[in-house]
Amino acid sequence: MASSDLSGSPAVPDSREALLDATERVIAREGFSALTYRSVAAEAGVTHGLVTYRFGTLDALISETLLRVARRAVDGSALEARSGRIEDFARDLGQLAEEAPDGQAFQFEVVLEARRREDLRAAVQEMYDNYFAVAQDALGRIGVDDSPAMTRLVFAALDGMILQQLIFGRREDTDALVAKLHEVLHALAAARAGSARDQL
């Protein structure tokens, strides 16, 4: 039996997360051409009117889904490297792509769609700005050059690793590439530390 609010009207079921999950799955598996109020509602198991009630527009739904998926990617890949150890930076990237492929595919679908739809570019830019900020902070914490250019270079490598794993399904390749990136970062950190000593 549905609960009621104080006015006596039936309460709308808490379906926000279900709609975000459904949007992620529809776009990841079928692309933007399949995205409609009805397809999202059917995937979530709710009426299509609930989509507009919760989010208003499909664009708002896409933007919120994008930010949520990106936050999960940061957490799931260990991108923040809170320990300050190079070995912990993005250490779980392959696992993330293996365990949450729809979330990663969804992001790439939105990025590509933003090439055709200018109205999506702000949301995509916000997503990348968030990724860059997290990666820049992590690079600084592990003692590597955290300039904007280096940050974008390192993140581009991680982005490419995820995309290749989604296409080819080889987590072992991603894990090997992350290990190789760690070697490069160790060398960069050592060079930076040596340069700092020389300046003393």
N, C-alpha and C. Protein backbone atom coordinates (compact mmCIF):
# COMPACT_ATOMS: atom_id res chain seq x y z
N MET A 1 0.85 -1.18 0.00
CA MET A 1 0.00 0.00 0.00
C MET A 1 0.89 1.24 0.00
N ALA A 2 0.56 2.22 -0.88
CA ALA A 2 1.37 3.44 -1.00
C ALA A 2 1.19 4.32 0.21
N SER A 3 2.27 4.96 0.66
CA SER A 3 2.17 5.89 1.76
C SER A 3 1.59 7.19 1.27
N SER A 4 1.14 8.03 2.19
CA SER A 4 0.54 9.32 1.82
C SER A 4 1.29 10.43 2.51
N ASP A 5 1.27 11.64 1.86
CA ASP A 5 1.85 12.79 2.52
C ASP A 5 0.80 13.42 3.42
N LEU A 6 1.09 14.55 4.04
CA LEU A 6 0.18 15.17 5.00
C LEU A 6 -1.13 15.63 4.37
N SER A 7 -1.15 15.86 3.06
CA SER A 7 -2.38 16.31 2.41
C SER A 7 -3.30 15.15 2.11
N GLY A 8 -2.83 13.94 2.34
CA GLY A 8 -3.65 12.76 2.06
C GLY A 8 -3.44 12.21 0.67
N SER A 9 -2.62 12.90 -0.16
CA SER A 9 -2.35 12.41 -1.52
C SER A 9 -1.34 11.28 -1.45
N PRO A 10 -1.46 10.32 -2.36
CA PRO A 10 -0.46 9.24 -2.37
C PRO A 10 0.92 9.80 -2.65
N ALA A 11 1.90 9.33 -1.95
CA ALA A 11 3.27 9.80 -2.15
C ALA A 11 3.86 9.14 -3.40
N VAL A 12 4.68 9.90 -4.12
CA VAL A 12 5.36 9.35 -5.28
C VAL A 12 6.48 8.44 -4.78
N PRO A 13 6.56 7.22 -5.30
CA PRO A 13 7.61 6.33 -4.83
C PRO A 13 8.99 6.93 -5.07
N ASP A 14 9.93 6.59 -4.22
CA ASP A 14 11.27 7.14 -4.35
C ASP A 14 11.96 6.43 -5.51
N SER A 15 11.85 7.03 -6.69
CA SER A 15 12.34 6.37 -7.90
C SER A 15 13.47 7.14 -8.57
N ARG A 16 13.98 8.17 -7.91
CA ARG A 16 15.02 9.00 -8.53
C ARG A 16 16.23 8.16 -8.95
N GLU A 17 16.75 7.35 -8.02
CA GLU A 17 17.91 6.52 -8.33
C GLU A 17 17.60 5.51 -9.42
N ALA A 18 16.40 4.97 -9.42
CA ALA A 18 16.01 4.01 -10.45
C ALA A 18 16.00 4.66 -11.82
N LEU A 19 15.57 5.91 -11.90
CA LEU A 19 15.55 6.61 -13.18
C LEU A 19 16.97 6.96 -13.65
N LEU A 20 17.83 7.32 -12.72
CA LEU A 20 19.23 7.58 -13.09
C LEU A 20 19.89 6.30 -13.59
N ASP A 21 19.66 5.20 -12.89
CA ASP A 21 20.20 3.91 -13.33
C ASP A 21 19.67 3.54 -14.71
N ALA A 22 18.38 3.75 -14.92
CA ALA A 22 17.76 3.40 -16.20
C ALA A 22 18.32 4.24 -17.34
N THR A 23 18.53 5.52 -17.10
CA THR A 23 19.11 6.40 -18.13
C THR A 23 20.50 5.92 -18.51
N GLU A 24 21.28 5.59 -17.51
CA GLU A 24 22.63 5.07 -17.74
C GLU A 24 22.59 3.83 -18.62
N ARG A 25 21.69 2.89 -18.30
CA ARG A 25 21.62 1.64 -19.05
C ARG A 25 21.12 1.84 -20.48
N VAL A 26 20.07 2.64 -20.65
CA VAL A 26 19.50 2.85 -21.98
C VAL A 26 20.53 3.45 -22.92
N ILE A 27 21.21 4.51 -22.47
CA ILE A 27 22.18 5.17 -23.33
C ILE A 27 23.41 4.29 -23.55
N ALA A 28 23.88 3.63 -22.51
CA ALA A 28 25.07 2.78 -22.64
C ALA A 28 24.84 1.64 -23.61
N ARG A 29 23.67 1.05 -23.58
CA ARG A 29 23.42 -0.16 -24.36
C ARG A 29 22.84 0.12 -25.74
N GLU A 30 22.07 1.23 -25.86
CA GLU A 30 21.37 1.46 -27.12
C GLU A 30 21.67 2.81 -27.76
N GLY A 31 22.38 3.68 -27.08
CA GLY A 31 22.71 4.98 -27.64
C GLY A 31 21.61 6.01 -27.45
N PHE A 32 21.92 7.22 -27.87
CA PHE A 32 20.98 8.32 -27.65
C PHE A 32 19.70 8.19 -28.45
N SER A 33 19.75 7.50 -29.57
CA SER A 33 18.54 7.37 -30.39
C SER A 33 17.43 6.63 -29.66
N ALA A 34 17.80 5.82 -28.66
CA ALA A 34 16.81 5.05 -27.90
C ALA A 34 16.29 5.80 -26.68
N LEU A 35 16.86 6.97 -26.38
CA LEU A 35 16.49 7.68 -25.15
C LEU A 35 15.19 8.45 -25.32
N THR A 36 14.16 8.01 -24.63
CA THR A 36 12.87 8.70 -24.57
C THR A 36 12.35 8.61 -23.14
N TYR A 37 11.34 9.41 -22.84
CA TYR A 37 10.71 9.30 -21.52
C TYR A 37 10.21 7.87 -21.31
N ARG A 38 9.62 7.31 -22.35
CA ARG A 38 9.04 5.97 -22.22
C ARG A 38 10.12 4.89 -22.04
N SER A 39 11.23 5.01 -22.78
CA SER A 39 12.27 3.97 -22.66
C SER A 39 12.92 3.99 -21.27
N VAL A 40 13.13 5.19 -20.74
CA VAL A 40 13.70 5.30 -19.39
C VAL A 40 12.71 4.76 -18.36
N ALA A 41 11.44 5.14 -18.51
CA ALA A 41 10.43 4.67 -17.57
C ALA A 41 10.29 3.16 -17.62
N ALA A 42 10.27 2.59 -18.82
CA ALA A 42 10.14 1.14 -18.95
C ALA A 42 11.33 0.43 -18.32
N GLU A 43 12.53 0.96 -18.54
CA GLU A 43 13.74 0.36 -17.95
C GLU A 43 13.71 0.44 -16.43
N ALA A 44 13.15 1.54 -15.91
CA ALA A 44 13.09 1.73 -14.45
C ALA A 44 11.88 1.05 -13.82
N GLY A 45 10.92 0.65 -14.66
CA GLY A 45 9.71 0.00 -14.14
C GLY A 45 8.73 0.98 -13.51
N VAL A 46 8.67 2.20 -14.07
CA VAL A 46 7.75 3.22 -13.57
C VAL A 46 6.96 3.80 -14.74
N THR A 47 5.99 4.66 -14.46
CA THR A 47 5.23 5.30 -15.53
C THR A 47 6.06 6.43 -16.12
N HIS A 48 5.86 6.72 -17.42
CA HIS A 48 6.72 7.72 -18.06
C HIS A 48 6.48 9.12 -17.53
N GLY A 49 5.33 9.38 -16.95
CA GLY A 49 5.07 10.69 -16.35
C GLY A 49 5.97 10.97 -15.16
N LEU A 50 6.46 9.91 -14.55
CA LEU A 50 7.33 10.08 -13.38
C LEU A 50 8.69 10.67 -13.77
N VAL A 51 9.10 10.43 -15.00
CA VAL A 51 10.38 10.98 -15.45
C VAL A 51 10.31 12.50 -15.46
N THR A 52 9.25 13.04 -16.04
CA THR A 52 9.11 14.51 -16.08
C THR A 52 8.85 15.07 -14.69
N TYR A 53 8.13 14.31 -13.88
CA TYR A 53 7.85 14.77 -12.51
C TYR A 53 9.16 14.92 -11.72
N ARG A 54 10.06 13.95 -11.86
CA ARG A 54 11.31 13.96 -11.10
C ARG A 54 12.36 14.91 -11.66
N PHE A 55 12.44 14.99 -13.00
CA PHE A 55 13.56 15.71 -13.61
C PHE A 55 13.17 16.83 -14.56
N GLY A 56 11.95 16.87 -14.99
CA GLY A 56 11.51 17.93 -15.88
C GLY A 56 11.82 17.65 -17.33
N THR A 57 13.09 17.51 -17.67
CA THR A 57 13.49 17.29 -19.05
C THR A 57 14.48 16.13 -19.13
N LEU A 58 14.62 15.59 -20.33
CA LEU A 58 15.62 14.54 -20.53
C LEU A 58 17.03 15.08 -20.36
N ASP A 59 17.24 16.33 -20.76
CA ASP A 59 18.57 16.93 -20.60
C ASP A 59 18.97 17.02 -19.13
N ALA A 60 18.01 17.39 -18.27
CA ALA A 60 18.30 17.44 -16.83
C ALA A 60 18.62 16.04 -16.30
N LEU A 61 17.89 15.07 -16.79
CA LEU A 61 18.12 13.68 -16.39
C LEU A 61 19.51 13.21 -16.84
N ILE A 62 19.90 13.56 -18.06
CA ILE A 62 21.22 13.19 -18.57
C ILE A 62 22.31 13.84 -17.73
N SER A 63 22.15 15.14 -17.45
CA SER A 63 23.18 15.86 -16.68
C SER A 63 23.36 15.26 -15.30
N GLU A 64 22.27 14.96 -14.63
CA GLU A 64 22.39 14.39 -13.28
C GLU A 64 22.99 12.99 -13.32
N THR A 65 22.61 12.22 -14.33
CA THR A 65 23.18 10.88 -14.47
C THR A 65 24.67 10.96 -14.72
N LEU A 66 25.07 11.90 -15.56
CA LEU A 66 26.48 12.07 -15.90
C LEU A 66 27.32 12.40 -14.67
N LEU A 67 26.85 13.33 -13.86
CA LEU A 67 27.60 13.72 -12.66
C LEU A 67 27.68 12.57 -11.65
N ARG A 68 26.59 11.82 -11.53
CA ARG A 68 26.59 10.70 -10.59
C ARG A 68 27.55 9.60 -11.06
N VAL A 69 27.51 9.28 -12.35
CA VAL A 69 28.40 8.25 -12.89
C VAL A 69 29.86 8.68 -12.73
N ALA A 70 30.15 9.96 -12.99
CA ALA A 70 31.52 10.45 -12.86
C ALA A 70 32.01 10.35 -11.41
N ARG A 71 31.15 10.66 -10.46
CA ARG A 71 31.54 10.55 -9.05
C ARG A 71 31.84 9.09 -8.69
N ARG A 72 31.03 8.19 -9.20
CA ARG A 72 31.26 6.77 -8.94
C ARG A 72 32.58 6.31 -9.57
N ALA A 73 32.90 6.87 -10.74
CA ALA A 73 34.14 6.50 -11.41
C ALA A 73 35.35 6.95 -10.61
N VAL A 74 35.28 8.14 -10.04
CA VAL A 74 36.38 8.63 -9.20
C VAL A 74 36.58 7.69 -8.01
N ASP A 75 35.49 7.34 -7.35
CA ASP A 75 35.57 6.46 -6.18
C ASP A 75 36.00 5.05 -6.58
N GLY A 76 35.42 4.56 -7.67
CA GLY A 76 35.66 3.17 -8.08
C GLY A 76 37.03 2.90 -8.65
N SER A 77 37.70 3.94 -9.16
CA SER A 77 39.02 3.75 -9.77
C SER A 77 40.16 4.09 -8.83
N ALA A 78 39.84 4.66 -7.66
CA ALA A 78 40.86 5.15 -6.72
C ALA A 78 41.65 6.30 -7.35
N LEU A 79 41.00 7.11 -8.16
CA LEU A 79 41.67 8.22 -8.83
C LEU A 79 42.23 9.23 -7.84
N GLU A 80 41.57 9.37 -6.70
CA GLU A 80 42.00 10.39 -5.74
C GLU A 80 43.31 10.05 -5.03
N ALA A 81 43.68 8.79 -4.99
CA ALA A 81 44.95 8.37 -4.36
C ALA A 81 45.15 9.05 -3.02
N ARG A 82 44.19 8.87 -2.13
CA ARG A 82 44.24 9.55 -0.83
C ARG A 82 45.46 9.17 0.01
N SER A 83 46.03 8.01 -0.26
CA SER A 83 47.18 7.56 0.52
C SER A 83 48.45 8.35 0.20
N GLY A 84 48.46 9.00 -0.97
CA GLY A 84 49.66 9.70 -1.39
C GLY A 84 50.71 8.79 -2.02
N ARG A 85 50.36 7.53 -2.25
CA ARG A 85 51.27 6.57 -2.87
C ARG A 85 50.96 6.47 -4.36
N ILE A 86 51.99 6.51 -5.18
CA ILE A 86 51.81 6.41 -6.63
C ILE A 86 51.09 5.11 -7.00
N GLU A 87 51.42 4.02 -6.32
CA GLU A 87 50.80 2.73 -6.64
C GLU A 87 49.29 2.72 -6.44
N ASP A 88 48.78 3.65 -5.64
CA ASP A 88 47.34 3.70 -5.40
C ASP A 88 46.60 4.57 -6.41
N PHE A 89 47.32 5.36 -7.19
CA PHE A 89 46.68 6.26 -8.15
C PHE A 89 46.03 5.45 -9.27
N ALA A 90 44.71 5.56 -9.38
CA ALA A 90 43.93 4.87 -10.42
C ALA A 90 44.16 3.36 -10.44
N ARG A 91 44.51 2.79 -9.29
CA ARG A 91 44.88 1.37 -9.24
C ARG A 91 43.73 0.45 -9.62
N ASP A 92 42.48 0.89 -9.42
CA ASP A 92 41.32 0.03 -9.67
C ASP A 92 40.63 0.35 -10.99
N LEU A 93 41.32 1.00 -11.91
CA LEU A 93 40.71 1.41 -13.17
C LEU A 93 40.17 0.22 -13.96
N GLY A 94 40.96 -0.83 -14.08
CA GLY A 94 40.51 -2.02 -14.80
C GLY A 94 39.31 -2.67 -14.14
N GLN A 95 39.32 -2.72 -12.83
CA GLN A 95 38.21 -3.29 -12.09
C GLN A 95 36.94 -2.48 -12.32
N LEU A 96 37.07 -1.15 -12.33
CA LEU A 96 35.92 -0.27 -12.57
C LEU A 96 35.30 -0.56 -13.94
N ALA A 97 36.14 -0.64 -14.97
CA ALA A 97 35.63 -0.89 -16.32
C ALA A 97 34.99 -2.26 -16.43
N GLU A 98 35.50 -3.21 -15.67
CA GLU A 98 34.96 -4.57 -15.70
C GLU A 98 33.64 -4.67 -14.94
N GLU A 99 33.56 -3.99 -13.79
CA GLU A 99 32.39 -4.12 -12.93
C GLU A 99 31.28 -3.12 -13.25
N ALA A 100 31.62 -2.00 -13.86
CA ALA A 100 30.60 -0.97 -14.17
C ALA A 100 30.74 -0.50 -15.61
N PRO A 101 30.66 -1.43 -16.58
CA PRO A 101 30.86 -1.02 -17.97
C PRO A 101 29.78 -0.07 -18.48
N ASP A 102 28.56 -0.23 -18.01
CA ASP A 102 27.49 0.67 -18.49
C ASP A 102 27.76 2.11 -18.10
N GLY A 103 28.25 2.32 -16.89
CA GLY A 103 28.54 3.68 -16.45
C GLY A 103 29.63 4.32 -17.29
N GLN A 104 30.65 3.54 -17.63
CA GLN A 104 31.74 4.07 -18.44
C GLN A 104 31.30 4.30 -19.88
N ALA A 105 30.54 3.34 -20.43
CA ALA A 105 30.03 3.50 -21.80
C ALA A 105 29.08 4.69 -21.89
N PHE A 106 28.27 4.88 -20.87
CA PHE A 106 27.35 6.01 -20.83
C PHE A 106 28.12 7.33 -20.98
N GLN A 107 29.21 7.46 -20.25
CA GLN A 107 29.99 8.71 -20.33
C GLN A 107 30.52 8.95 -21.73
N PHE A 108 31.06 7.92 -22.36
CA PHE A 108 31.58 8.09 -23.72
C PHE A 108 30.47 8.42 -24.71
N GLU A 109 29.31 7.81 -24.53
CA GLU A 109 28.17 8.11 -25.40
C GLU A 109 27.77 9.58 -25.28
N VAL A 110 27.74 10.08 -24.04
CA VAL A 110 27.37 11.49 -23.83
C VAL A 110 28.43 12.41 -24.42
N VAL A 111 29.69 12.07 -24.23
CA VAL A 111 30.78 12.89 -24.78
C VAL A 111 30.66 12.98 -26.30
N LEU A 112 30.44 11.85 -26.96
CA LEU A 112 30.31 11.86 -28.41
C LEU A 112 29.05 12.61 -28.87
N GLU A 113 27.98 12.45 -28.13
CA GLU A 113 26.74 13.16 -28.48
C GLU A 113 26.92 14.67 -28.34
N ALA A 114 27.77 15.09 -27.42
CA ALA A 114 28.02 16.53 -27.22
C ALA A 114 28.70 17.15 -28.43
N ARG A 115 29.32 16.34 -29.27
CA ARG A 115 29.88 16.87 -30.53
C ARG A 115 28.76 17.35 -31.45
N ARG A 116 27.61 16.67 -31.35
CA ARG A 116 26.49 17.00 -32.23
C ARG A 116 25.49 17.94 -31.57
N ARG A 117 25.45 17.93 -30.25
CA ARG A 117 24.46 18.73 -29.51
C ARG A 117 25.15 19.69 -28.56
N GLU A 118 25.14 20.94 -28.93
CA GLU A 118 25.81 21.95 -28.11
C GLU A 118 25.23 22.06 -26.71
N ASP A 119 23.94 21.73 -26.56
CA ASP A 119 23.30 21.84 -25.25
C ASP A 119 23.87 20.86 -24.23
N LEU A 120 24.58 19.83 -24.68
CA LEU A 120 25.18 18.87 -23.76
C LEU A 120 26.61 19.24 -23.36
N ARG A 121 27.20 20.20 -24.07
CA ARG A 121 28.62 20.48 -23.85
C ARG A 121 28.92 21.00 -22.46
N ALA A 122 28.05 21.79 -21.90
CA ALA A 122 28.31 22.33 -20.56
C ALA A 122 28.38 21.20 -19.53
N ALA A 123 27.49 20.22 -19.65
CA ALA A 123 27.50 19.10 -18.70
C ALA A 123 28.76 18.25 -18.88
N VAL A 124 29.17 18.05 -20.14
CA VAL A 124 30.39 17.28 -20.40
C VAL A 124 31.61 18.04 -19.91
N GLN A 125 31.63 19.35 -20.13
CA GLN A 125 32.75 20.15 -19.65
C GLN A 125 32.84 20.10 -18.13
N GLU A 126 31.69 20.17 -17.46
CA GLU A 126 31.67 20.09 -16.00
C GLU A 126 32.21 18.74 -15.53
N MET A 127 31.83 17.67 -16.22
CA MET A 127 32.32 16.35 -15.85
C MET A 127 33.85 16.30 -15.98
N TYR A 128 34.38 16.75 -17.11
CA TYR A 128 35.83 16.72 -17.30
C TYR A 128 36.55 17.66 -16.34
N ASP A 129 35.98 18.82 -16.09
CA ASP A 129 36.60 19.73 -15.12
C ASP A 129 36.71 19.07 -13.75
N ASN A 130 35.68 18.33 -13.36
CA ASN A 130 35.72 17.61 -12.08
C ASN A 130 36.81 16.54 -12.09
N TYR A 131 36.88 15.78 -13.19
CA TYR A 131 37.93 14.77 -13.31
C TYR A 131 39.32 15.41 -13.24
N PHE A 132 39.51 16.50 -13.98
CA PHE A 132 40.81 17.16 -13.99
C PHE A 132 41.19 17.67 -12.60
N ALA A 133 40.22 18.22 -11.89
CA ALA A 133 40.51 18.74 -10.54
C ALA A 133 40.94 17.61 -9.61
N VAL A 134 40.24 16.48 -9.67
CA VAL A 134 40.59 15.34 -8.82
C VAL A 134 41.97 14.80 -9.20
N ALA A 135 42.21 14.64 -10.50
CA ALA A 135 43.50 14.12 -10.96
C ALA A 135 44.64 15.07 -10.61
N GLN A 136 44.41 16.37 -10.75
CA GLN A 136 45.46 17.35 -10.42
C GLN A 136 45.81 17.30 -8.95
N ASP A 137 44.80 17.21 -8.11
CA ASP A 137 45.03 17.10 -6.68
C ASP A 137 45.81 15.83 -6.34
N ALA A 138 45.44 14.73 -7.00
CA ALA A 138 46.13 13.46 -6.74
C ALA A 138 47.58 13.51 -7.19
N LEU A 139 47.84 14.10 -8.35
CA LEU A 139 49.22 14.20 -8.84
C LEU A 139 50.07 15.03 -7.88
N GLY A 140 49.52 16.11 -7.37
CA GLY A 140 50.24 16.91 -6.39
C GLY A 140 50.53 16.13 -5.13
N ARG A 141 49.55 15.31 -4.71
CA ARG A 141 49.70 14.54 -3.48
C ARG A 141 50.77 13.46 -3.61
N ILE A 142 50.92 12.91 -4.82
CA ILE A 142 51.92 11.85 -4.99
C ILE A 142 53.28 12.38 -5.45
N GLY A 143 53.40 13.72 -5.51
CA GLY A 143 54.70 14.32 -5.78
C GLY A 143 55.09 14.42 -7.24
N VAL A 144 54.09 14.48 -8.12
CA VAL A 144 54.33 14.56 -9.56
C VAL A 144 53.88 15.94 -10.04
N ASP A 145 54.47 16.40 -11.14
CA ASP A 145 54.06 17.65 -11.78
C ASP A 145 52.53 17.66 -11.92
N ASP A 146 51.90 18.63 -11.27
CA ASP A 146 50.44 18.70 -11.31
C ASP A 146 49.96 19.91 -12.12
N SER A 147 50.74 20.29 -13.11
CA SER A 147 50.33 21.39 -13.99
C SER A 147 49.09 20.97 -14.77
N PRO A 148 48.31 21.93 -15.27
CA PRO A 148 47.13 21.58 -16.06
C PRO A 148 47.45 20.68 -17.26
N ALA A 149 48.57 20.96 -17.94
CA ALA A 149 48.93 20.14 -19.11
C ALA A 149 49.24 18.71 -18.71
N MET A 150 50.02 18.52 -17.64
CA MET A 150 50.34 17.17 -17.19
C MET A 150 49.08 16.44 -16.72
N THR A 151 48.22 17.17 -16.02
CA THR A 151 46.97 16.58 -15.55
C THR A 151 46.14 16.06 -16.71
N ARG A 152 46.00 16.88 -17.74
CA ARG A 152 45.20 16.47 -18.90
C ARG A 152 45.86 15.30 -19.64
N LEU A 153 47.17 15.31 -19.71
CA LEU A 153 47.88 14.22 -20.37
C LEU A 153 47.65 12.90 -19.63
N VAL A 154 47.81 12.91 -18.32
CA VAL A 154 47.62 11.70 -17.53
C VAL A 154 46.18 11.24 -17.61
N PHE A 155 45.24 12.18 -17.51
CA PHE A 155 43.84 11.77 -17.56
C PHE A 155 43.46 11.23 -18.94
N ALA A 156 44.03 11.83 -19.99
CA ALA A 156 43.77 11.32 -21.34
C ALA A 156 44.21 9.86 -21.46
N ALA A 157 45.35 9.53 -20.84
CA ALA A 157 45.82 8.15 -20.86
C ALA A 157 44.82 7.23 -20.15
N LEU A 158 44.33 7.65 -18.99
CA LEU A 158 43.36 6.84 -18.25
C LEU A 158 42.06 6.68 -19.03
N ASP A 159 41.60 7.78 -19.64
CA ASP A 159 40.39 7.76 -20.45
C ASP A 159 40.53 6.75 -21.59
N GLY A 160 41.68 6.78 -22.24
CA GLY A 160 41.92 5.85 -23.35
C GLY A 160 41.97 4.40 -22.90
N MET A 161 42.53 4.17 -21.71
CA MET A 161 42.57 2.81 -21.19
C MET A 161 41.16 2.25 -20.98
N ILE A 162 40.31 3.08 -20.39
CA ILE A 162 38.92 2.66 -20.15
C ILE A 162 38.23 2.35 -21.47
N LEU A 163 38.37 3.24 -22.45
CA LEU A 163 37.71 3.05 -23.74
C LEU A 163 38.17 1.75 -24.40
N GLN A 164 39.47 1.50 -24.36
CA GLN A 164 39.97 0.27 -24.98
C GLN A 164 39.45 -0.98 -24.26
N GLN A 165 39.35 -0.91 -22.93
CA GLN A 165 38.83 -2.08 -22.22
C GLN A 165 37.36 -2.29 -22.54
N LEU A 166 36.60 -1.21 -22.70
CA LEU A 166 35.19 -1.37 -23.06
C LEU A 166 35.04 -2.03 -24.42
N ILE A 167 35.93 -1.69 -25.33
CA ILE A 167 35.85 -2.25 -26.68
C ILE A 167 36.36 -3.68 -26.73
N PHE A 168 37.53 -3.92 -26.14
CA PHE A 168 38.19 -5.22 -26.29
C PHE A 168 37.99 -6.16 -25.11
N GLY A 169 37.57 -5.62 -23.96
CA GLY A 169 37.26 -6.47 -22.82
C GLY A 169 38.44 -7.09 -22.13
N ARG A 170 39.62 -6.49 -22.26
CA ARG A 170 40.81 -7.12 -21.67
C ARG A 170 41.29 -6.31 -20.46
N ARG A 171 40.82 -6.72 -19.31
CA ARG A 171 41.21 -6.02 -18.08
C ARG A 171 42.71 -6.14 -17.84
N GLU A 172 43.29 -7.27 -18.21
CA GLU A 172 44.72 -7.46 -17.96
C GLU A 172 45.54 -6.40 -18.70
N ASP A 173 45.08 -5.97 -19.86
CA ASP A 173 45.78 -4.91 -20.59
C ASP A 173 45.71 -3.60 -19.81
N THR A 174 44.53 -3.29 -19.29
CA THR A 174 44.38 -2.06 -18.51
C THR A 174 45.26 -2.10 -17.27
N ASP A 175 45.27 -3.23 -16.57
CA ASP A 175 46.09 -3.34 -15.37
C ASP A 175 47.57 -3.16 -15.70
N ALA A 176 48.00 -3.72 -16.85
CA ALA A 176 49.40 -3.58 -17.26
C ALA A 176 49.72 -2.12 -17.61
N LEU A 177 48.79 -1.45 -18.25
CA LEU A 177 49.00 -0.05 -18.62
C LEU A 177 49.03 0.85 -17.38
N VAL A 178 48.18 0.58 -16.41
CA VAL A 178 48.21 1.35 -15.16
C VAL A 178 49.55 1.14 -14.46
N ALA A 179 50.05 -0.10 -14.44
CA ALA A 179 51.36 -0.37 -13.83
C ALA A 179 52.46 0.40 -14.56
N LYS A 180 52.38 0.45 -15.89
CA LYS A 180 53.38 1.19 -16.66
C LYS A 180 53.27 2.69 -16.38
N LEU A 181 52.05 3.20 -16.24
CA LEU A 181 51.85 4.60 -15.88
C LEU A 181 52.48 4.89 -14.52
N HIS A 182 52.34 3.96 -13.59
CA HIS A 182 52.95 4.14 -12.27
C HIS A 182 54.48 4.24 -12.39
N GLU A 183 55.08 3.44 -13.27
CA GLU A 183 56.52 3.53 -13.49
C GLU A 183 56.91 4.91 -13.99
N VAL A 184 56.14 5.42 -14.94
CA VAL A 184 56.41 6.76 -15.49
C VAL A 184 56.27 7.82 -14.41
N LEU A 185 55.23 7.70 -13.59
CA LEU A 185 55.01 8.68 -12.52
C LEU A 185 56.12 8.62 -11.48
N HIS A 186 56.61 7.42 -11.18
CA HIS A 186 57.75 7.30 -10.25
C HIS A 186 58.96 8.03 -10.81
N ALA A 187 59.22 7.86 -12.10
CA ALA A 187 60.37 8.53 -12.72
C ALA A 187 60.19 10.05 -12.68
N LEU A 188 58.99 10.51 -12.96
CA LEU A 188 58.72 11.95 -12.93
C LEU A 188 58.86 12.50 -11.51
N ALA A 189 58.36 11.74 -10.53
CA ALA A 189 58.47 12.19 -9.14
C ALA A 189 59.93 12.25 -8.70
N ALA A 190 60.73 11.26 -9.12
CA ALA A 190 62.16 11.25 -8.76
C ALA A 190 62.88 12.44 -9.41
N ALA A 191 62.56 12.71 -10.67
CA ALA A 191 63.18 13.84 -11.36
C ALA A 191 62.79 15.16 -10.70
N ARG A 192 61.55 15.26 -10.29
CA ARG A 192 61.09 16.49 -9.64
C ARG A 192 61.78 16.68 -8.30
N ALA A 193 61.91 15.58 -7.55
CA ALA A 193 62.59 15.66 -6.24
C ALA A 193 64.06 16.03 -6.42
N GLY A 194 64.72 15.45 -7.45
CA GLY A 194 66.12 15.77 -7.72
C GLY A 194 66.29 17.22 -8.12
N SER A 195 65.39 17.73 -8.91
CA SER A 195 65.44 19.15 -9.33
C SER A 195 65.27 20.07 -8.12
N ALA A 196 64.37 19.68 -7.22
CA ALA A 196 64.17 20.50 -6.01
C ALA A 196 65.40 20.51 -5.14
N ARG A 197 66.11 19.35 -5.04
CA ARG A 197 67.34 19.30 -4.24
C ARG A 197 68.44 20.16 -4.86
N ASP A 198 68.51 20.13 -6.19
CA ASP A 198 69.55 20.92 -6.87
C ASP A 198 69.38 22.41 -6.67
N GLN A 199 68.12 22.82 -6.43
CA GLN A 199 67.85 24.24 -6.26
C GLN A 199 68.14 24.73 -4.83
N LEU A 200 68.42 23.79 -3.93
CA LEU A 200 68.70 24.17 -2.53
C LEU A 200 70.12 24.69 -2.38
